[in-house]
Amino acid sequence: MNNMNQMMKQVKKMQEQMLKAQEGLATKSVEGSSGGGVVTVEVNGHKKLLSITIKPEAVDPEDVEMLQDLVMTAVNDALTKADELANDDMGKFTGGMKIPGLF
């Protein structure tokens, strides 16, 4: 029984650490870019879009589709990096296992 109590304490401590790590992801950010940096996007570890920067040379009224593609590529790059950030931070607790709904 003593062994079970000790294990429960360890589980509770791990849960608290995981919660702190998840909360910490909101304060961390990553940047994605496209077109050699003419479009940059910043998202936090919870995949919330924080900013989009578009340099003037990316804006061509004759080619709006190019700008749309650049923005989409930059957003996807940033979201991929946010996933990697979350996996790195939370992987300490999950041992690399993918646990649905955890992050």
Protein backbone atom coordinates (compact mmCIF):
# COMPACT_ATOMS: atom_id res chain seq x y z
CA MET A 1 0.00 0.00 0.00
CA ASN A 2 2.88 2.37 0.78
CA ASN A 3 4.23 1.72 -2.70
CA MET A 4 0.86 2.69 -4.20
CA ASN A 5 0.75 5.97 -2.26
CA GLN A 6 4.24 6.85 -3.43
CA MET A 7 3.29 6.07 -7.02
CA MET A 8 0.17 8.26 -6.76
CA LYS A 9 2.28 11.14 -5.43
CA GLN A 10 4.64 10.76 -8.40
CA VAL A 11 1.71 10.74 -10.84
CA LYS A 12 0.26 13.86 -9.23
CA LYS A 13 3.63 15.61 -9.41
CA MET A 14 4.01 14.66 -13.07
CA GLN A 15 0.51 15.98 -13.82
CA GLU A 16 1.37 19.30 -12.18
CA GLN A 17 4.59 19.54 -14.19
CA MET A 18 2.72 18.74 -17.42
CA LEU A 19 0.13 21.41 -16.67
CA LYS A 20 2.88 23.98 -16.08
CA ALA A 21 4.57 22.95 -19.34
CA GLN A 22 1.30 23.31 -21.24
CA GLU A 23 0.69 26.73 -19.72
CA GLY A 24 4.27 27.70 -20.60
CA LEU A 25 3.62 26.99 -24.27
CA ALA A 26 1.36 30.06 -24.35
CA THR A 27 4.36 32.26 -23.53
CA LYS A 28 6.67 30.70 -26.11
CA SER A 29 6.53 31.66 -29.77
CA VAL A 30 7.92 30.46 -33.06
CA GLU A 31 8.19 32.15 -36.42
CA GLY A 32 7.48 30.80 -39.87
CA SER A 33 8.41 32.50 -43.09
CA SER A 34 8.18 32.20 -46.83
CA GLY A 35 9.49 33.92 -49.92
CA GLY A 36 12.91 34.42 -48.40
CA GLY A 37 11.41 36.28 -45.46
CA VAL A 38 9.01 38.60 -47.29
CA VAL A 39 6.19 37.07 -45.27
CA THR A 40 6.72 36.11 -41.62
CA VAL A 41 4.19 34.73 -39.18
CA GLU A 42 4.51 34.33 -35.42
CA VAL A 43 2.44 31.82 -33.42
CA ASN A 44 2.62 30.74 -29.82
CA GLY A 45 2.95 27.18 -28.53
CA HIS A 46 -0.84 26.88 -28.45
CA LYS A 47 -0.95 27.65 -32.19
CA LYS A 48 -2.50 31.07 -31.67
CA LEU A 49 -1.55 33.50 -34.42
CA LEU A 50 0.29 36.45 -32.87
CA SER A 51 1.42 38.44 -35.89
CA ILE A 52 1.81 38.52 -39.66
CA THR A 53 4.40 40.74 -41.31
CA ILE A 54 4.33 41.32 -45.07
CA LYS A 55 7.12 43.32 -46.67
CA PRO A 56 6.03 45.79 -49.37
CA GLU A 57 7.88 43.91 -52.11
CA ALA A 58 5.54 40.95 -51.55
CA VAL A 59 2.50 43.01 -52.56
CA ASP A 60 1.77 42.93 -56.28
CA PRO A 61 -1.81 43.91 -57.15
CA GLU A 62 -1.44 41.93 -60.36
CA ASP A 63 -0.56 38.73 -58.50
CA VAL A 64 -2.69 38.46 -55.36
CA GLU A 65 -2.54 34.65 -55.56
CA MET A 66 1.23 34.74 -54.96
CA LEU A 67 0.74 36.74 -51.76
CA GLN A 68 -1.96 34.34 -50.61
CA ASP A 69 0.38 31.41 -51.23
CA LEU A 70 3.20 33.13 -49.33
CA VAL A 71 0.95 33.78 -46.32
CA MET A 72 -0.38 30.22 -46.34
CA THR A 73 3.14 28.78 -46.56
CA ALA A 74 4.40 30.99 -43.72
CA VAL A 75 1.44 30.07 -41.49
CA ASN A 76 1.92 26.36 -42.14
CA ASP A 77 5.65 26.69 -41.42
CA ALA A 78 4.92 28.41 -38.10
CA LEU A 79 2.28 25.84 -37.12
CA THR A 80 4.69 23.00 -37.87
CA LYS A 81 7.27 24.68 -35.64
CA ALA A 82 4.65 25.16 -32.90
CA ASP A 83 3.91 21.40 -33.07
CA GLU A 84 7.62 20.67 -32.74
CA LEU A 85 7.88 23.05 -29.79
CA ALA A 86 4.94 21.35 -28.03
CA ASN A 87 6.34 17.90 -28.78
CA ASP A 88 9.72 18.89 -27.38
CA ASP A 89 8.26 20.43 -24.22
CA MET A 90 5.66 17.75 -23.54
CA GLY A 91 7.79 14.84 -24.76
CA LYS A 92 9.75 15.05 -21.51
CA PHE A 93 6.67 13.74 -19.73
CA THR A 94 5.25 11.36 -22.31
CA GLY A 95 8.47 9.67 -23.34
CA GLY A 96 7.74 10.52 -26.96
CA MET A 97 4.32 8.87 -26.94
CA LYS A 98 1.56 10.75 -28.74
CA ILE A 99 -1.32 11.08 -26.31
CA PRO A 100 -4.46 12.41 -28.07
CA GLY A 101 -5.84 15.59 -26.57
CA LEU A 102 -2.79 16.24 -24.43
CA PHE A 103 -1.25 18.88 -26.67
